[in-house]
């Protein structure tokens, strides 16, 4: 096993410290920069004029509205979920009774 000199040991420790702390410092710097951009006066002026668009619906809202018409009924022939008010299965076109639950 070779002996490691003091200079080489310090160099290795410095590289290890940069490898460990570097990404964290860069991430925190990015976070602060994004906060600075968010709190910019231009954003405040645009919001005051009403130029900021309404946010689009989230995926959870779309999913909730898409599954609002499902009551848990299933097709007796294929087992596909049947929507409220349907008289036929959307998959196999079999008759679905209104009284089945």
N, C-alpha and C. Protein backbone atom coordinates (compact mmCIF):
# COMPACT_ATOMS: atom_id res chain seq x y z
N UNK A 1 0.85 -1.17 0.00
CA UNK A 1 0.00 0.00 0.00
C UNK A 1 0.90 1.23 0.00
N UNK A 2 0.58 2.19 -0.87
CA UNK A 2 1.44 3.36 -0.98
C UNK A 2 1.03 4.42 0.04
N UNK A 3 1.99 5.17 0.48
CA UNK A 3 1.73 6.24 1.43
C UNK A 3 1.22 7.46 0.67
N UNK A 4 0.20 8.10 1.21
CA UNK A 4 -0.39 9.28 0.59
C UNK A 4 0.18 10.49 1.29
N UNK A 5 0.70 11.42 0.49
CA UNK A 5 1.28 12.63 1.05
C UNK A 5 0.20 13.58 1.54
N UNK A 6 0.62 14.58 2.31
CA UNK A 6 -0.31 15.54 2.88
C UNK A 6 -1.02 16.35 1.79
N UNK A 7 -0.30 16.76 0.79
CA UNK A 7 -0.89 17.54 -0.30
C UNK A 7 -1.93 16.75 -1.07
N UNK A 8 -1.60 15.50 -1.35
CA UNK A 8 -2.55 14.66 -2.09
C UNK A 8 -3.79 14.36 -1.24
N UNK A 9 -3.59 14.17 0.05
CA UNK A 9 -4.71 13.92 0.95
C UNK A 9 -5.63 15.14 1.01
N UNK A 10 -5.06 16.33 1.11
CA UNK A 10 -5.86 17.55 1.13
C UNK A 10 -6.62 17.74 -0.19
N UNK A 11 -5.96 17.41 -1.30
CA UNK A 11 -6.62 17.51 -2.60
C UNK A 11 -7.81 16.56 -2.68
N UNK A 12 -7.62 15.33 -2.23
CA UNK A 12 -8.70 14.34 -2.26
C UNK A 12 -9.86 14.76 -1.36
N UNK A 13 -9.55 15.31 -0.19
CA UNK A 13 -10.60 15.77 0.71
C UNK A 13 -11.36 16.96 0.11
N UNK A 14 -10.66 17.84 -0.58
CA UNK A 14 -11.31 18.99 -1.21
C UNK A 14 -12.24 18.52 -2.33
N UNK A 15 -11.79 17.55 -3.13
CA UNK A 15 -12.63 17.02 -4.20
C UNK A 15 -13.86 16.34 -3.62
N UNK A 16 -13.68 15.58 -2.54
CA UNK A 16 -14.81 14.90 -1.90
C UNK A 16 -15.80 15.92 -1.33
N UNK A 17 -15.29 16.99 -0.72
CA UNK A 17 -16.17 18.01 -0.16
C UNK A 17 -16.97 18.70 -1.27
N UNK A 18 -16.32 18.99 -2.40
CA UNK A 18 -17.03 19.60 -3.52
C UNK A 18 -18.07 18.65 -4.10
N UNK A 19 -17.73 17.38 -4.17
CA UNK A 19 -18.68 16.40 -4.71
C UNK A 19 -19.89 16.24 -3.81
N UNK A 20 -19.70 16.38 -2.51
CA UNK A 20 -20.81 16.23 -1.58
C UNK A 20 -21.63 17.51 -1.44
N UNK A 21 -20.97 18.64 -1.31
CA UNK A 21 -21.66 19.89 -1.03
C UNK A 21 -22.06 20.65 -2.30
N UNK A 22 -21.39 20.41 -3.40
CA UNK A 22 -21.64 21.16 -4.63
C UNK A 22 -23.07 21.11 -5.12
N UNK A 23 -23.65 19.93 -5.31
CA UNK A 23 -25.04 19.88 -5.80
C UNK A 23 -26.03 20.56 -4.86
N UNK A 24 -25.82 20.44 -3.57
CA UNK A 24 -26.73 21.09 -2.62
C UNK A 24 -26.65 22.60 -2.73
N UNK A 25 -25.45 23.12 -2.81
CA UNK A 25 -25.27 24.58 -2.93
C UNK A 25 -25.86 25.07 -4.25
N UNK A 26 -25.65 24.34 -5.33
CA UNK A 26 -26.22 24.75 -6.62
C UNK A 26 -27.75 24.70 -6.59
N UNK A 27 -28.32 23.69 -5.97
CA UNK A 27 -29.78 23.58 -5.88
C UNK A 27 -30.35 24.74 -5.06
N UNK A 28 -29.73 25.04 -3.93
CA UNK A 28 -30.21 26.15 -3.11
C UNK A 28 -30.08 27.48 -3.84
N UNK A 29 -29.02 27.63 -4.62
CA UNK A 29 -28.87 28.84 -5.43
C UNK A 29 -29.97 28.95 -6.48
N UNK A 30 -30.30 27.83 -7.12
CA UNK A 30 -31.38 27.83 -8.10
C UNK A 30 -32.71 28.16 -7.43
N UNK A 31 -32.93 27.61 -6.25
CA UNK A 31 -34.17 27.88 -5.51
C UNK A 31 -34.31 29.37 -5.20
N UNK A 32 -33.23 29.97 -4.71
CA UNK A 32 -33.26 31.40 -4.39
C UNK A 32 -33.49 32.24 -5.65
N UNK A 33 -32.86 31.85 -6.76
CA UNK A 33 -33.03 32.57 -8.01
C UNK A 33 -34.49 32.49 -8.48
N UNK A 34 -35.10 31.31 -8.39
CA UNK A 34 -36.49 31.17 -8.81
C UNK A 34 -37.44 31.96 -7.91
N UNK A 35 -37.14 32.03 -6.62
CA UNK A 35 -37.94 32.87 -5.72
C UNK A 35 -37.80 34.34 -6.09
N UNK A 36 -36.60 34.75 -6.44
CA UNK A 36 -36.36 36.13 -6.84
C UNK A 36 -37.15 36.44 -8.11
N UNK A 37 -37.18 35.51 -9.06
CA UNK A 37 -37.95 35.73 -10.27
C UNK A 37 -39.45 35.80 -9.98
N UNK A 38 -39.91 34.96 -9.07
CA UNK A 38 -41.33 34.92 -8.73
C UNK A 38 -41.77 36.23 -8.08
N UNK A 39 -40.92 36.83 -7.27
CA UNK A 39 -41.27 38.04 -6.54
C UNK A 39 -40.91 39.31 -7.31
N UNK A 40 -40.75 39.21 -8.59
CA UNK A 40 -40.35 40.34 -9.41
C UNK A 40 -41.50 41.35 -9.51
N UNK A 41 -41.15 42.60 -9.66
CA UNK A 41 -42.15 43.67 -9.77
C UNK A 41 -42.97 43.54 -11.05
N UNK A 42 -42.39 42.99 -12.11
CA UNK A 42 -43.12 42.81 -13.36
C UNK A 42 -44.32 41.89 -13.16
N UNK A 43 -44.13 40.83 -12.40
CA UNK A 43 -45.24 39.90 -12.12
C UNK A 43 -46.35 40.63 -11.36
N UNK A 44 -45.96 41.46 -10.41
CA UNK A 44 -46.96 42.21 -9.64
C UNK A 44 -47.73 43.18 -10.53
N UNK A 45 -47.03 43.85 -11.45
CA UNK A 45 -47.71 44.78 -12.35
C UNK A 45 -48.66 44.05 -13.28
N UNK A 46 -48.25 42.91 -13.81
CA UNK A 46 -49.11 42.15 -14.71
C UNK A 46 -50.34 41.62 -13.97
N UNK A 47 -50.16 41.20 -12.74
CA UNK A 47 -51.30 40.71 -11.96
C UNK A 47 -52.27 41.84 -11.65
N UNK A 48 -51.75 43.03 -11.40
CA UNK A 48 -52.61 44.18 -11.11
C UNK A 48 -53.44 44.58 -12.33
N UNK A 49 -52.88 44.41 -13.53
CA UNK A 49 -53.61 44.74 -14.76
C UNK A 49 -54.55 43.63 -15.19
N UNK A 50 -54.44 42.46 -14.59
CA UNK A 50 -55.29 41.34 -14.98
C UNK A 50 -54.77 40.59 -16.18
N UNK A 51 -53.49 40.75 -16.48
CA UNK A 51 -52.91 40.08 -17.64
C UNK A 51 -52.49 38.64 -17.35
N UNK A 52 -52.54 38.25 -16.10
CA UNK A 52 -52.16 36.89 -15.73
C UNK A 52 -53.35 35.98 -16.01
N UNK A 53 -53.11 34.89 -16.76
CA UNK A 53 -54.19 33.97 -17.12
C UNK A 53 -54.60 33.10 -15.94
N UNK A 54 -55.84 32.65 -15.98
CA UNK A 54 -56.30 31.71 -14.97
C UNK A 54 -55.59 30.38 -15.19
N UNK A 55 -55.27 29.68 -14.11
CA UNK A 55 -54.62 28.39 -14.29
C UNK A 55 -55.58 27.38 -14.90
N UNK A 56 -55.04 26.48 -15.69
CA UNK A 56 -55.85 25.42 -16.27
C UNK A 56 -56.18 24.40 -15.20
N UNK A 57 -57.24 23.61 -15.41
CA UNK A 57 -57.60 22.64 -14.38
C UNK A 57 -56.50 21.60 -14.18
N UNK A 58 -56.35 21.20 -12.93
CA UNK A 58 -55.35 20.19 -12.60
C UNK A 58 -55.82 18.82 -13.07
N UNK A 59 -54.89 17.90 -13.16
CA UNK A 59 -55.22 16.54 -13.60
C UNK A 59 -56.21 15.89 -12.64
N UNK A 60 -56.10 16.18 -11.36
CA UNK A 60 -57.02 15.60 -10.38
C UNK A 60 -58.44 16.09 -10.61
N UNK A 61 -58.61 17.36 -11.01
CA UNK A 61 -59.94 17.89 -11.29
C UNK A 61 -60.54 17.24 -12.53
N UNK A 62 -59.72 17.03 -13.55
CA UNK A 62 -60.20 16.39 -14.77
C UNK A 62 -60.61 14.95 -14.47
N UNK A 63 -59.81 14.25 -13.70
CA UNK A 63 -60.12 12.87 -13.35
C UNK A 63 -61.40 12.80 -12.52
N UNK A 64 -61.58 13.73 -11.60
CA UNK A 64 -62.79 13.73 -10.77
C UNK A 64 -64.03 13.97 -11.62
N UNK A 65 -63.96 14.87 -12.59
CA UNK A 65 -65.12 15.13 -13.43
C UNK A 65 -65.37 13.99 -14.41
N UNK A 66 -64.32 13.29 -14.83
CA UNK A 66 -64.48 12.17 -15.76
C UNK A 66 -65.11 10.96 -15.09
N UNK A 67 -64.87 10.78 -13.81
CA UNK A 67 -65.42 9.63 -13.11
C UNK A 67 -66.68 9.97 -12.34
N UNK A 68 -67.23 11.17 -12.53
CA UNK A 68 -68.42 11.57 -11.79
C UNK A 68 -69.65 10.77 -12.20
N UNK A 69 -69.71 10.29 -13.45
CA UNK A 69 -70.87 9.56 -13.93
C UNK A 69 -70.79 8.06 -13.72
N UNK A 70 -69.83 7.58 -12.97
CA UNK A 70 -69.66 6.14 -12.74
C UNK A 70 -70.26 5.80 -11.39
N UNK A 71 -71.19 4.83 -11.38
CA UNK A 71 -71.83 4.46 -10.12
C UNK A 71 -71.44 3.08 -9.62
N UNK A 72 -70.52 2.41 -10.26
CA UNK A 72 -70.06 1.11 -9.79
C UNK A 72 -70.72 -0.07 -10.47
N UNK A 73 -71.69 0.18 -11.38
CA UNK A 73 -72.31 -0.94 -12.09
C UNK A 73 -71.33 -1.52 -13.09
N UNK A 74 -71.48 -2.81 -13.36
CA UNK A 74 -70.62 -3.50 -14.32
C UNK A 74 -71.49 -4.26 -15.31
N UNK A 75 -70.96 -4.43 -16.50
CA UNK A 75 -71.64 -5.19 -17.53
C UNK A 75 -71.67 -6.67 -17.12
N UNK A 76 -72.84 -7.33 -17.21
CA UNK A 76 -72.88 -8.74 -16.83
C UNK A 76 -72.13 -9.64 -17.80
N UNK A 77 -71.93 -9.19 -19.03
CA UNK A 77 -71.26 -10.04 -20.03
C UNK A 77 -69.74 -9.93 -19.97
N UNK A 78 -69.21 -8.69 -19.90
CA UNK A 78 -67.75 -8.55 -19.97
C UNK A 78 -67.13 -7.94 -18.72
N UNK A 79 -67.93 -7.34 -17.84
CA UNK A 79 -67.40 -6.80 -16.59
C UNK A 79 -66.91 -5.37 -16.68
N UNK A 80 -67.11 -4.71 -17.81
CA UNK A 80 -66.68 -3.32 -17.97
C UNK A 80 -67.56 -2.40 -17.13
N UNK A 81 -66.98 -1.35 -16.56
CA UNK A 81 -67.75 -0.38 -15.79
C UNK A 81 -68.72 0.35 -16.70
N UNK A 82 -69.96 0.49 -16.26
CA UNK A 82 -71.01 1.12 -17.05
C UNK A 82 -71.32 2.48 -16.44
N UNK A 83 -71.45 3.51 -17.28
CA UNK A 83 -71.74 4.84 -16.78
C UNK A 83 -73.22 4.97 -16.44
N UNK A 84 -73.55 5.98 -15.66
CA UNK A 84 -74.93 6.20 -15.22
C UNK A 84 -75.82 6.49 -16.42
N UNK A 85 -76.97 5.85 -16.48
CA UNK A 85 -77.94 6.10 -17.53
C UNK A 85 -77.74 5.29 -18.79
N UNK A 86 -76.70 4.50 -18.88
CA UNK A 86 -76.44 3.71 -20.08
C UNK A 86 -77.34 2.49 -20.11
N UNK A 87 -77.82 2.14 -21.30
CA UNK A 87 -78.64 0.93 -21.45
C UNK A 87 -77.86 -0.19 -22.11
N UNK A 88 -76.74 0.15 -22.72
CA UNK A 88 -75.88 -0.86 -23.36
C UNK A 88 -74.44 -0.66 -22.89
N UNK A 89 -73.69 -1.74 -22.88
CA UNK A 89 -72.28 -1.70 -22.50
C UNK A 89 -71.49 -1.00 -23.61
N UNK A 90 -70.55 -0.14 -23.24
CA UNK A 90 -69.74 0.55 -24.23
C UNK A 90 -68.69 -0.34 -24.87
N UNK A 91 -68.40 -1.48 -24.26
CA UNK A 91 -67.37 -2.37 -24.76
C UNK A 91 -67.95 -3.46 -25.67
N UNK A 92 -68.95 -4.20 -25.17
CA UNK A 92 -69.47 -5.34 -25.93
C UNK A 92 -70.89 -5.12 -26.45
N UNK A 93 -71.49 -3.99 -26.17
CA UNK A 93 -72.83 -3.62 -26.61
C UNK A 93 -73.93 -4.53 -26.08
N UNK A 94 -73.68 -5.21 -24.97
CA UNK A 94 -74.70 -6.06 -24.36
C UNK A 94 -75.70 -5.19 -23.61
N UNK A 95 -76.94 -5.67 -23.49
CA UNK A 95 -77.97 -4.96 -22.74
C UNK A 95 -77.58 -4.89 -21.27
N UNK A 96 -77.73 -3.72 -20.69
CA UNK A 96 -77.46 -3.54 -19.27
C UNK A 96 -78.77 -3.10 -18.64
N UNK A 97 -79.28 -3.89 -17.70
CA UNK A 97 -80.54 -3.55 -17.05
C UNK A 97 -80.38 -2.34 -16.15
N UNK A 98 -81.40 -1.51 -16.08
CA UNK A 98 -81.35 -0.30 -15.25
C UNK A 98 -81.44 -0.64 -13.78
N UNK A 99 -81.99 -1.82 -13.43
CA UNK A 99 -82.15 -2.16 -12.02
C UNK A 99 -80.95 -2.89 -11.45
N UNK A 100 -79.96 -3.24 -12.28
CA UNK A 100 -78.78 -3.95 -11.77
C UNK A 100 -77.86 -2.97 -11.06
N UNK A 101 -77.29 -3.40 -9.94
CA UNK A 101 -76.39 -2.52 -9.21
C UNK A 101 -75.16 -3.28 -8.81
